[in-house]
Amino acid sequence: MQKSLPHLIRLTAVLAVIGLAVAGCGRKGDLDPPSAAATKEGDVSKPTKQPGTVDKPFLLDPLL
């Protein structure tokens, strides 16, 4: 029983690190609000680009 305890601790630590890494994925910051023109027209399905922001494509973007 004593020999399996370090293995269990190591496995728990590895799974915790993997879980934290996966939970940290995503874009940082708030969601972009729709523009005033889009809300007046009723079309909020098209995303608006905020001035001064740069859109960096991500490897998994085509899946979304």
PDB file of N, CA and C in Angstrom:
ATOM      1  N   MET A   1       0.819  -1.195   0.000  1.00  0.00           N
ATOM      2  CA  MET A   1       0.000   0.000   0.000  1.00  0.00           C
ATOM      3  C   MET A   1       0.866   1.263   0.000  1.00  0.00           C
ATOM      4  N   GLN A   2       2.008   1.234   0.654  1.00  0.00           N
ATOM      5  CA  GLN A   2       2.867   2.399   0.739  1.00  0.00           C
ATOM      6  C   GLN A   2       3.478   2.763  -0.613  1.00  0.00           C
ATOM      7  N   LYS A   3       3.727   1.773  -1.469  1.00  0.00           N
ATOM      8  CA  LYS A   3       4.361   2.051  -2.749  1.00  0.00           C
ATOM      9  C   LYS A   3       3.407   2.742  -3.724  1.00  0.00           C
ATOM     10  N   SER A   4       2.122   2.534  -3.592  1.00  0.00           N
ATOM     11  CA  SER A   4       1.174   3.123  -4.528  1.00  0.00           C
ATOM     12  C   SER A   4       0.792   4.551  -4.137  1.00  0.00           C
ATOM     13  N   LEU A   5       1.079   4.966  -2.907  1.00  0.00           N
ATOM     14  CA  LEU A   5       0.724   6.311  -2.465  1.00  0.00           C
ATOM     15  C   LEU A   5       1.459   7.401  -3.254  1.00  0.00           C
ATOM     16  N   PRO A   6       2.778   7.329  -3.459  1.00  0.00           N
ATOM     17  CA  PRO A   6       3.446   8.363  -4.272  1.00  0.00           C
ATOM     18  C   PRO A   6       2.929   8.381  -5.719  1.00  0.00           C
ATOM     19  N   HIS A   7       2.606   7.219  -6.244  1.00  0.00           N
ATOM     20  CA  HIS A   7       2.057   7.156  -7.602  1.00  0.00           C
ATOM     21  C   HIS A   7       0.705   7.867  -7.657  1.00  0.00           C
ATOM     22  N   LEU A   8      -0.121   7.671  -6.641  1.00  0.00           N
ATOM     23  CA  LEU A   8      -1.430   8.314  -6.581  1.00  0.00           C
ATOM     24  C   LEU A   8      -1.290   9.828  -6.432  1.00  0.00           C
ATOM     25  N   ILE A   9      -0.350  10.275  -5.638  1.00  0.00           N
ATOM     26  CA  ILE A   9      -0.130  11.710  -5.460  1.00  0.00           C
ATOM     27  C   ILE A   9       0.355  12.334  -6.764  1.00  0.00           C
ATOM     28  N   ARG A  10       1.272  11.660  -7.440  1.00  0.00           N
ATOM     29  CA  ARG A  10       1.779  12.169  -8.713  1.00  0.00           C
ATOM     30  C   ARG A  10       0.668  12.226  -9.763  1.00  0.00           C
ATOM     31  N   LEU A  11      -0.151  11.211  -9.827  1.00  0.00           N
ATOM     32  CA  LEU A  11      -1.261  11.179 -10.783  1.00  0.00           C
ATOM     33  C   LEU A  11      -2.256  12.300 -10.492  1.00  0.00           C
ATOM     34  N   THR A  12      -2.553  12.524  -9.224  1.00  0.00           N
ATOM     35  CA  THR A  12      -3.475  13.596  -8.847  1.00  0.00           C
ATOM     36  C   THR A  12      -2.902  14.960  -9.232  1.00  0.00           C
ATOM     37  N   ALA A  13      -1.620  15.161  -9.011  1.00  0.00           N
ATOM     38  CA  ALA A  13      -0.991  16.434  -9.364  1.00  0.00           C
ATOM     39  C   ALA A  13      -1.011  16.659 -10.877  1.00  0.00           C
ATOM     40  N   VAL A  14      -0.720  15.627 -11.645  1.00  0.00           N
ATOM     41  CA  VAL A  14      -0.719  15.756 -13.110  1.00  0.00           C
ATOM     42  C   VAL A  14      -2.128  16.062 -13.615  1.00  0.00           C
ATOM     43  N   LEU A  15      -3.125  15.391 -13.090  1.00  0.00           N
ATOM     44  CA  LEU A  15      -4.507  15.646 -13.516  1.00  0.00           C
ATOM     45  C   LEU A  15      -4.965  17.045 -13.110  1.00  0.00           C
ATOM     46  N   ALA A  16      -4.526  17.529 -11.962  1.00  0.00           N
ATOM     47  CA  ALA A  16      -4.882  18.879 -11.533  1.00  0.00           C
ATOM     48  C   ALA A  16      -4.254  19.922 -12.448  1.00  0.00           C
ATOM     49  N   VAL A  17      -3.008  19.717 -12.839  1.00  0.00           N
ATOM     50  CA  VAL A  17      -2.339  20.666 -13.745  1.00  0.00           C
ATOM     51  C   VAL A  17      -3.013  20.664 -15.108  1.00  0.00           C
ATOM     52  N   ILE A  18      -3.363  19.502 -15.612  1.00  0.00           N
ATOM     53  CA  ILE A  18      -4.049  19.414 -16.902  1.00  0.00           C
ATOM     54  C   ILE A  18      -5.415  20.093 -16.815  1.00  0.00           C
ATOM     55  N   GLY A  19      -6.127  19.877 -15.734  1.00  0.00           N
ATOM     56  CA  GLY A  19      -7.434  20.510 -15.558  1.00  0.00           C
ATOM     57  C   GLY A  19      -7.336  22.020 -15.498  1.00  0.00           C
ATOM     58  N   LEU A  20      -6.347  22.549 -14.808  1.00  0.00           N
ATOM     59  CA  LEU A  20      -6.168  23.998 -14.748  1.00  0.00           C
ATOM     60  C   LEU A  20      -5.764  24.573 -16.103  1.00  0.00           C
ATOM     61  N   ALA A  21      -4.954  23.851 -16.842  1.00  0.00           N
ATOM     62  CA  ALA A  21      -4.545  24.323 -18.170  1.00  0.00           C
ATOM     63  C   ALA A  21      -5.736  24.375 -19.121  1.00  0.00           C
ATOM     64  N   VAL A  22      -6.591  23.377 -19.072  1.00  0.00           N
ATOM     65  CA  VAL A  22      -7.764  23.361 -19.947  1.00  0.00           C
ATOM     66  C   VAL A  22      -8.760  24.439 -19.527  1.00  0.00           C
ATOM     67  N   ALA A  23      -8.916  24.656 -18.245  1.00  0.00           N
ATOM     68  CA  ALA A  23      -9.853  25.672 -17.764  1.00  0.00           C
ATOM     69  C   ALA A  23      -9.376  27.075 -18.116  1.00  0.00           C
ATOM     70  N   GLY A  24      -8.077  27.251 -18.317  1.00  0.00           N
ATOM     71  CA  GLY A  24      -7.544  28.564 -18.638  1.00  0.00           C
ATOM     72  C   GLY A  24      -7.579  28.903 -20.114  1.00  0.00           C
ATOM     73  N   CYS A  25      -8.056  28.000 -20.952  1.00  0.00           N
ATOM     74  CA  CYS A  25      -8.110  28.269 -22.385  1.00  0.00           C
ATOM     75  C   CYS A  25      -9.208  29.275 -22.696  1.00  0.00           C
ATOM     76  N   GLY A  26      -9.020  30.052 -23.725  1.00  0.00           N
ATOM     77  CA  GLY A  26     -10.034  31.000 -24.162  1.00  0.00           C
ATOM     78  C   GLY A  26      -9.457  32.388 -24.301  1.00  0.00           C
ATOM     79  N   ARG A  27     -10.291  33.299 -24.721  1.00  0.00           N
ATOM     80  CA  ARG A  27      -9.854  34.675 -24.898  1.00  0.00           C
ATOM     81  C   ARG A  27     -10.002  35.427 -23.592  1.00  0.00           C
ATOM     82  N   LYS A  28      -9.054  36.310 -23.355  1.00  0.00           N
ATOM     83  CA  LYS A  28      -9.055  37.093 -22.127  1.00  0.00           C
ATOM     84  C   LYS A  28      -9.840  38.379 -22.351  1.00  0.00           C
ATOM     85  N   GLY A  29     -10.675  38.732 -21.418  1.00  0.00           N
ATOM     86  CA  GLY A  29     -11.383  40.003 -21.487  1.00  0.00           C
ATOM     87  C   GLY A  29     -12.885  39.820 -21.608  1.00  0.00           C
ATOM     88  N   ASP A  30     -13.564  40.960 -21.645  1.00  0.00           N
ATOM     89  CA  ASP A  30     -15.023  40.962 -21.734  1.00  0.00           C
ATOM     90  C   ASP A  30     -15.479  40.688 -23.160  1.00  0.00           C
ATOM     91  N   LEU A  31     -16.744  40.339 -23.286  1.00  0.00           N
ATOM     92  CA  LEU A  31     -17.334  40.157 -24.606  1.00  0.00           C
ATOM     93  C   LEU A  31     -17.516  41.514 -25.267  1.00  0.00           C
ATOM     94  N   ASP A  32     -17.427  41.558 -26.580  1.00  0.00           N
ATOM     95  CA  ASP A  32     -17.612  42.807 -27.306  1.00  0.00           C
ATOM     96  C   ASP A  32     -19.099  43.127 -27.395  1.00  0.00           C
ATOM     97  N   PRO A  33     -19.505  44.338 -27.000  1.00  0.00           N
ATOM     98  CA  PRO A  33     -20.923  44.701 -27.108  1.00  0.00           C
ATOM     99  C   PRO A  33     -21.286  44.998 -28.563  1.00  0.00           C
ATOM    100  N   PRO A  34     -22.542  44.811 -28.944  1.00  0.00           N
ATOM    101  CA  PRO A  34     -22.940  45.138 -30.321  1.00  0.00           C
ATOM    102  C   PRO A  34     -22.924  46.647 -30.530  1.00  0.00           C
ATOM    103  N   SER A  35     -22.715  47.054 -31.771  1.00  0.00           N
ATOM    104  CA  SER A  35     -22.689  48.486 -32.062  1.00  0.00           C
ATOM    105  C   SER A  35     -24.104  49.057 -32.014  1.00  0.00           C
ATOM    106  N   ALA A  36     -24.208  50.362 -31.919  1.00  0.00           N
ATOM    107  CA  ALA A  36     -25.519  51.013 -31.846  1.00  0.00           C
ATOM    108  C   ALA A  36     -26.300  50.817 -33.147  1.00  0.00           C
ATOM    109  N   ALA A  37     -25.611  50.834 -34.300  1.00  0.00           N
ATOM    110  CA  ALA A  37     -26.284  50.648 -35.582  1.00  0.00           C
ATOM    111  C   ALA A  37     -26.864  49.240 -35.692  1.00  0.00           C
ATOM    112  N   ALA A  38     -26.170  48.266 -35.191  1.00  0.00           N
ATOM    113  CA  ALA A  38     -26.655  46.888 -35.277  1.00  0.00           C
ATOM    114  C   ALA A  38     -27.880  46.684 -34.399  1.00  0.00           C
ATOM    115  N   THR A  39     -27.926  47.326 -33.255  1.00  0.00           N
ATOM    116  CA  THR A  39     -29.089  47.142 -32.382  1.00  0.00           C
ATOM    117  C   THR A  39     -30.295  47.902 -32.902  1.00  0.00           C
ATOM    118  N   LYS A  40     -30.091  49.043 -33.574  1.00  0.00           N
ATOM    119  CA  LYS A  40     -31.225  49.776 -34.152  1.00  0.00           C
ATOM    120  C   LYS A  40     -31.845  49.000 -35.304  1.00  0.00           C
ATOM    121  N   GLU A  41     -31.001  48.348 -36.100  1.00  0.00           N
ATOM    122  CA  GLU A  41     -31.500  47.573 -37.223  1.00  0.00           C
ATOM    123  C   GLU A  41     -32.026  46.217 -36.788  1.00  0.00           C
ATOM    124  N   GLY A  42     -31.689  45.790 -35.597  1.00  0.00           N
ATOM    125  CA  GLY A  42     -32.155  44.506 -35.101  1.00  0.00           C
ATOM    126  C   GLY A  42     -31.258  43.346 -35.473  1.00  0.00           C
ATOM    127  N   ASP A  43     -30.134  43.599 -36.121  1.00  0.00           N
ATOM    128  CA  ASP A  43     -29.227  42.527 -36.524  1.00  0.00           C
ATOM    129  C   ASP A  43     -28.039  42.498 -35.576  1.00  0.00           C
ATOM    130  N   VAL A  44     -28.133  41.684 -34.541  1.00  0.00           N
ATOM    131  CA  VAL A  44     -27.031  41.574 -33.584  1.00  0.00           C
ATOM    132  C   VAL A  44     -26.252  40.287 -33.803  1.00  0.00           C
ATOM    133  N   SER A  45     -26.566  39.547 -34.876  1.00  0.00           N
ATOM    134  CA  SER A  45     -25.880  38.287 -35.133  1.00  0.00           C
ATOM    135  C   SER A  45     -24.486  38.491 -35.708  1.00  0.00           C
ATOM    136  N   LYS A  46     -24.251  39.633 -36.346  1.00  0.00           N
ATOM    137  CA  LYS A  46     -22.935  39.895 -36.924  1.00  0.00           C
ATOM    138  C   LYS A  46     -22.064  40.592 -35.878  1.00  0.00           C
ATOM    139  N   PRO A  47     -20.896  40.049 -35.595  1.00  0.00           N
ATOM    140  CA  PRO A  47     -20.027  40.688 -34.604  1.00  0.00           C
ATOM    141  C   PRO A  47     -19.444  41.994 -35.146  1.00  0.00           C
ATOM    142  N   THR A  48     -19.283  42.949 -34.250  1.00  0.00           N
ATOM    143  CA  THR A  48     -18.694  44.224 -34.639  1.00  0.00           C
ATOM    144  C   THR A  48     -17.261  44.266 -34.137  1.00  0.00           C
ATOM    145  N   LYS A  49     -16.424  44.961 -34.857  1.00  0.00           N
ATOM    146  CA  LYS A  49     -15.020  45.060 -34.484  1.00  0.00           C
ATOM    147  C   LYS A  49     -14.802  46.382 -33.756  1.00  0.00           C
ATOM    148  N   GLN A  50     -14.239  46.304 -32.591  1.00  0.00           N
ATOM    149  CA  GLN A  50     -13.940  47.496 -31.808  1.00  0.00           C
ATOM    150  C   GLN A  50     -12.718  48.180 -32.399  1.00  0.00           C
ATOM    151  N   PRO A  51     -12.700  49.506 -32.415  1.00  0.00           N
ATOM    152  CA  PRO A  51     -11.528  50.200 -32.954  1.00  0.00           C
ATOM    153  C   PRO A  51     -10.301  49.939 -32.081  1.00  0.00           C
ATOM    154  N   GLY A  52      -9.189  49.681 -32.728  1.00  0.00           N
ATOM    155  CA  GLY A  52      -7.939  49.462 -32.020  1.00  0.00           C
ATOM    156  C   GLY A  52      -7.711  48.029 -31.580  1.00  0.00           C
ATOM    157  N   THR A  53      -8.610  47.113 -31.933  1.00  0.00           N
ATOM    158  CA  THR A  53      -8.417  45.718 -31.555  1.00  0.00           C
ATOM    159  C   THR A  53      -7.892  44.933 -32.754  1.00  0.00           C
ATOM    160  N   VAL A  54      -7.095  43.946 -32.457  1.00  0.00           N
ATOM    161  CA  VAL A  54      -6.531  43.091 -33.498  1.00  0.00           C
ATOM    162  C   VAL A  54      -7.052  41.681 -33.264  1.00  0.00           C
ATOM    163  N   ASP A  55      -7.656  41.097 -34.290  1.00  0.00           N
ATOM    164  CA  ASP A  55      -8.182  39.747 -34.174  1.00  0.00           C
ATOM    165  C   ASP A  55      -7.086  38.762 -34.558  1.00  0.00           C
ATOM    166  N   LYS A  56      -6.667  37.968 -33.569  1.00  0.00           N
ATOM    167  CA  LYS A  56      -5.641  36.953 -33.825  1.00  0.00           C
ATOM    168  C   LYS A  56      -6.335  35.613 -33.972  1.00  0.00           C
ATOM    169  N   PRO A  57      -6.305  35.034 -35.157  1.00  0.00           N
ATOM    170  CA  PRO A  57      -6.971  33.729 -35.332  1.00  0.00           C
ATOM    171  C   PRO A  57      -6.319  32.644 -34.490  1.00  0.00           C
ATOM    172  N   PHE A  58      -7.127  31.722 -34.020  1.00  0.00           N
ATOM    173  CA  PHE A  58      -6.681  30.623 -33.195  1.00  0.00           C
ATOM    174  C   PHE A  58      -6.855  29.332 -33.988  1.00  0.00           C
ATOM    175  N   LEU A  59      -6.060  28.335 -33.665  1.00  0.00           N
ATOM    176  CA  LEU A  59      -6.054  27.073 -34.399  1.00  0.00           C
ATOM    177  C   LEU A  59      -7.441  26.431 -34.440  1.00  0.00           C
ATOM    178  N   LEU A  60      -8.197  26.503 -33.350  1.00  0.00           N
ATOM    179  CA  LEU A  60      -9.495  25.833 -33.269  1.00  0.00           C
ATOM    180  C   LEU A  60     -10.667  26.710 -33.661  1.00  0.00           C
ATOM    181  N   ASP A  61     -10.445  27.946 -34.145  1.00  0.00           N
ATOM    182  CA  ASP A  61     -11.541  28.823 -34.543  1.00  0.00           C
ATOM    183  C   ASP A  61     -12.459  28.212 -35.603  1.00  0.00           C
ATOM    184  N   PRO A  62     -11.959  27.495 -36.608  1.00  0.00           N
ATOM    185  CA  PRO A  62     -12.877  26.925 -37.601  1.00  0.00           C
ATOM    186  C   PRO A  62     -13.886  25.935 -36.998  1.00  0.00           C
ATOM    187  N   LEU A  63     -13.568  25.337 -35.869  1.00  0.00           N
ATOM    188  CA  LEU A  63     -14.498  24.404 -35.244  1.00  0.00           C
ATOM    189  C   LEU A  63     -15.695  25.117 -34.630  1.00  0.00           C
ATOM    190  N   LEU A  64     -15.504  26.384 -34.276  1.00  0.00           N
ATOM    191  CA  LEU A  64     -16.607  27.138 -33.673  1.00  0.00           C
ATOM    192  C   LEU A  64     -17.426  27.748 -34.746  1.00  0.00           C
TER     193      LEU A  64
END
